[in-house]
Amino acid sequence: MTSHRQPPTFTVYPQFAKDWDRFSAEEKEVVGDFLETLQEEYDNPVFQQGWELNGKYWGAILPTIGFRVIWVLEYPSHLGVVPTQPARNINILMCEPIPE
């Protein structure tokens, strides 16, 4: 029997909807694809290649559009404890063009 885990939910920063409205069609496609894959593969070491982890903060660069995404994984257990259960939420803290 195969077990299927429930993918984590997303929480986004308050300005996200306004930022999203300003993104071009290409940016929306790339960011949307990244977030969809992140939700399914957040704990896959292959997908994590190229990400940075600084304390509890994760970051990724989307080079095709020059964006960065910063997020925190929230687990059912207390912070500071090695997670033994899947993440329950992905808190997107930033999604923006990389300043030049």
C-alpha atoms as a PDB file:
ATOM      1  CA  MET A   1       0.000   0.000   0.000  1.00  0.00           C
ATOM      2  CA  THR A   2       1.389   3.401  -0.965  1.00  0.00           C
ATOM      3  CA  SER A   3       1.009   6.232   1.497  1.00  0.00           C
ATOM      4  CA  HIS A   4       0.237   9.678   0.148  1.00  0.00           C
ATOM      5  CA  ARG A   5       1.094  12.657   2.257  1.00  0.00           C
ATOM      6  CA  GLN A   6      -0.960  15.809   2.254  1.00  0.00           C
ATOM      7  CA  PRO A   7       1.052  18.600   0.610  1.00  0.00           C
ATOM      8  CA  PRO A   8       1.742  21.584   2.857  1.00  0.00           C
ATOM      9  CA  THR A   9      -0.407  24.667   2.542  1.00  0.00           C
ATOM     10  CA  PHE A  10       0.984  28.053   1.548  1.00  0.00           C
ATOM     11  CA  THR A  11       0.969  31.270   3.507  1.00  0.00           C
ATOM     12  CA  VAL A  12       2.206  34.317   1.599  1.00  0.00           C
ATOM     13  CA  TYR A  13       3.407  37.730   2.694  1.00  0.00           C
ATOM     14  CA  PRO A  14       0.722  40.452   2.737  1.00  0.00           C
ATOM     15  CA  GLN A  15       1.969  42.231  -0.419  1.00  0.00           C
ATOM     16  CA  PHE A  16       2.078  39.043  -2.534  1.00  0.00           C
ATOM     17  CA  ALA A  17      -1.226  39.574  -4.382  1.00  0.00           C
ATOM     18  CA  LYS A  18      -0.210  43.097  -5.430  1.00  0.00           C
ATOM     19  CA  ASP A  19       3.238  41.881  -6.447  1.00  0.00           C
ATOM     20  CA  TRP A  20       1.677  39.027  -8.439  1.00  0.00           C
ATOM     21  CA  ASP A  21      -0.497  41.493 -10.354  1.00  0.00           C
ATOM     22  CA  ARG A  22       2.660  43.363 -11.419  1.00  0.00           C
ATOM     23  CA  PHE A  23       4.469  40.221 -12.630  1.00  0.00           C
ATOM     24  CA  SER A  24       4.627  39.630 -16.375  1.00  0.00           C
ATOM     25  CA  ALA A  25       2.981  36.529 -17.851  1.00  0.00           C
ATOM     26  CA  GLU A  26       6.390  34.815 -18.054  1.00  0.00           C
ATOM     27  CA  GLU A  27       7.217  35.689 -14.435  1.00  0.00           C
ATOM     28  CA  LYS A  28       3.850  34.351 -13.267  1.00  0.00           C
ATOM     29  CA  GLU A  29       4.432  31.102 -15.155  1.00  0.00           C
ATOM     30  CA  VAL A  30       7.948  30.576 -13.768  1.00  0.00           C
ATOM     31  CA  VAL A  31       7.021  31.554 -10.192  1.00  0.00           C
ATOM     32  CA  GLY A  32       3.821  29.479 -10.335  1.00  0.00           C
ATOM     33  CA  ASP A  33       5.698  26.419 -11.609  1.00  0.00           C
ATOM     34  CA  PHE A  34       8.340  26.852  -8.906  1.00  0.00           C
ATOM     35  CA  LEU A  35       5.752  27.173  -6.114  1.00  0.00           C
ATOM     36  CA  GLU A  36       3.830  24.152  -7.376  1.00  0.00           C
ATOM     37  CA  THR A  37       6.981  22.036  -7.443  1.00  0.00           C
ATOM     38  CA  LEU A  38       8.078  23.433  -4.071  1.00  0.00           C
ATOM     39  CA  GLN A  39       4.795  22.312  -2.525  1.00  0.00           C
ATOM     40  CA  GLU A  40       5.294  18.754  -3.781  1.00  0.00           C
ATOM     41  CA  GLU A  41       9.083  18.432  -3.545  1.00  0.00           C
ATOM     42  CA  TYR A  42      10.164  20.716  -0.672  1.00  0.00           C
ATOM     43  CA  ASP A  43      12.005  17.850   1.026  1.00  0.00           C
ATOM     44  CA  ASN A  44      13.507  16.245  -2.097  1.00  0.00           C
ATOM     45  CA  PRO A  45      17.322  16.635  -2.006  1.00  0.00           C
ATOM     46  CA  VAL A  46      17.498  16.630  -5.813  1.00  0.00           C
ATOM     47  CA  PHE A  47      15.048  19.530  -6.069  1.00  0.00           C
ATOM     48  CA  GLN A  48      16.866  21.351  -3.229  1.00  0.00           C
ATOM     49  CA  GLN A  49      20.128  21.543  -5.190  1.00  0.00           C
ATOM     50  CA  GLY A  50      21.018  25.188  -5.584  1.00  0.00           C
ATOM     51  CA  TRP A  51      18.852  26.333  -2.682  1.00  0.00           C
ATOM     52  CA  GLU A  52      20.359  28.074   0.305  1.00  0.00           C
ATOM     53  CA  LEU A  53      19.457  27.434   3.923  1.00  0.00           C
ATOM     54  CA  ASN A  54      20.258  30.128   6.495  1.00  0.00           C
ATOM     55  CA  GLY A  55      18.956  29.085   9.899  1.00  0.00           C
ATOM     56  CA  LYS A  56      15.298  28.316   9.251  1.00  0.00           C
ATOM     57  CA  TYR A  57      15.104  30.431   6.076  1.00  0.00           C
ATOM     58  CA  TRP A  58      15.252  28.812   2.644  1.00  0.00           C
ATOM     59  CA  GLY A  59      16.051  30.693  -0.532  1.00  0.00           C
ATOM     60  CA  ALA A  60      16.114  29.975  -4.241  1.00  0.00           C
ATOM     61  CA  ILE A  61      17.025  31.963  -7.309  1.00  0.00           C
ATOM     62  CA  LEU A  62      14.855  31.638 -10.419  1.00  0.00           C
ATOM     63  CA  PRO A  63      17.560  32.549 -12.952  1.00  0.00           C
ATOM     64  CA  THR A  64      15.395  32.575 -16.085  1.00  0.00           C
ATOM     65  CA  ILE A  65      13.487  35.597 -14.756  1.00  0.00           C
ATOM     66  CA  GLY A  66      16.015  36.971 -12.238  1.00  0.00           C
ATOM     67  CA  PHE A  67      13.795  36.427  -9.183  1.00  0.00           C
ATOM     68  CA  ARG A  68      14.496  35.243  -5.666  1.00  0.00           C
ATOM     69  CA  VAL A  69      12.082  33.411  -3.391  1.00  0.00           C
ATOM     70  CA  ILE A  70      12.525  33.168   0.399  1.00  0.00           C
ATOM     71  CA  TRP A  71      10.421  30.867   2.587  1.00  0.00           C
ATOM     72  CA  VAL A  72      10.176  29.031   5.896  1.00  0.00           C
ATOM     73  CA  LEU A  73       8.923  25.497   6.348  1.00  0.00           C
ATOM     74  CA  GLU A  74       6.569  25.084   9.299  1.00  0.00           C
ATOM     75  CA  TYR A  75       6.323  21.687  10.961  1.00  0.00           C
ATOM     76  CA  PRO A  76       3.826  20.306  13.483  1.00  0.00           C
ATOM     77  CA  SER A  77       6.638  19.922  16.027  1.00  0.00           C
ATOM     78  CA  HIS A  78       8.286  22.723  18.004  1.00  0.00           C
ATOM     79  CA  LEU A  79      10.922  24.905  16.367  1.00  0.00           C
ATOM     80  CA  GLY A  80      14.449  23.789  17.007  1.00  0.00           C
ATOM     81  CA  VAL A  81      13.502  20.115  16.965  1.00  0.00           C
ATOM     82  CA  VAL A  82      14.543  18.015  13.996  1.00  0.00           C
ATOM     83  CA  PRO A  83      11.318  17.546  12.026  1.00  0.00           C
ATOM     84  CA  THR A  84      10.058  13.977  12.018  1.00  0.00           C
ATOM     85  CA  GLN A  85       6.804  14.738  10.199  1.00  0.00           C
ATOM     86  CA  PRO A  86       6.128  16.402   6.842  1.00  0.00           C
ATOM     87  CA  ALA A  87       5.876  20.185   6.774  1.00  0.00           C
ATOM     88  CA  ARG A  88       2.353  21.507   7.332  1.00  0.00           C
ATOM     89  CA  ASN A  89       2.900  24.937   5.797  1.00  0.00           C
ATOM     90  CA  ILE A  90       5.265  26.800   3.490  1.00  0.00           C
ATOM     91  CA  ASN A  91       5.413  30.438   4.506  1.00  0.00           C
ATOM     92  CA  ILE A  92       6.507  32.489   1.488  1.00  0.00           C
ATOM     93  CA  LEU A  93       8.271  35.573   2.871  1.00  0.00           C
ATOM     94  CA  MET A  94       9.525  37.146  -0.349  1.00  0.00           C
ATOM     95  CA  CYS A  95       9.163  36.710  -4.098  1.00  0.00           C
ATOM     96  CA  GLU A  96      10.750  39.504  -6.062  1.00  0.00           C
ATOM     97  CA  PRO A  97      13.168  40.482  -8.802  1.00  0.00           C
ATOM     98  CA  ILE A  98      16.792  40.419  -7.722  1.00  0.00           C
ATOM     99  CA  PRO A  99      18.006  44.013  -7.359  1.00  0.00           C
ATOM    100  CA  GLU A 100      20.594  44.937  -9.957  1.00  0.00           C
END
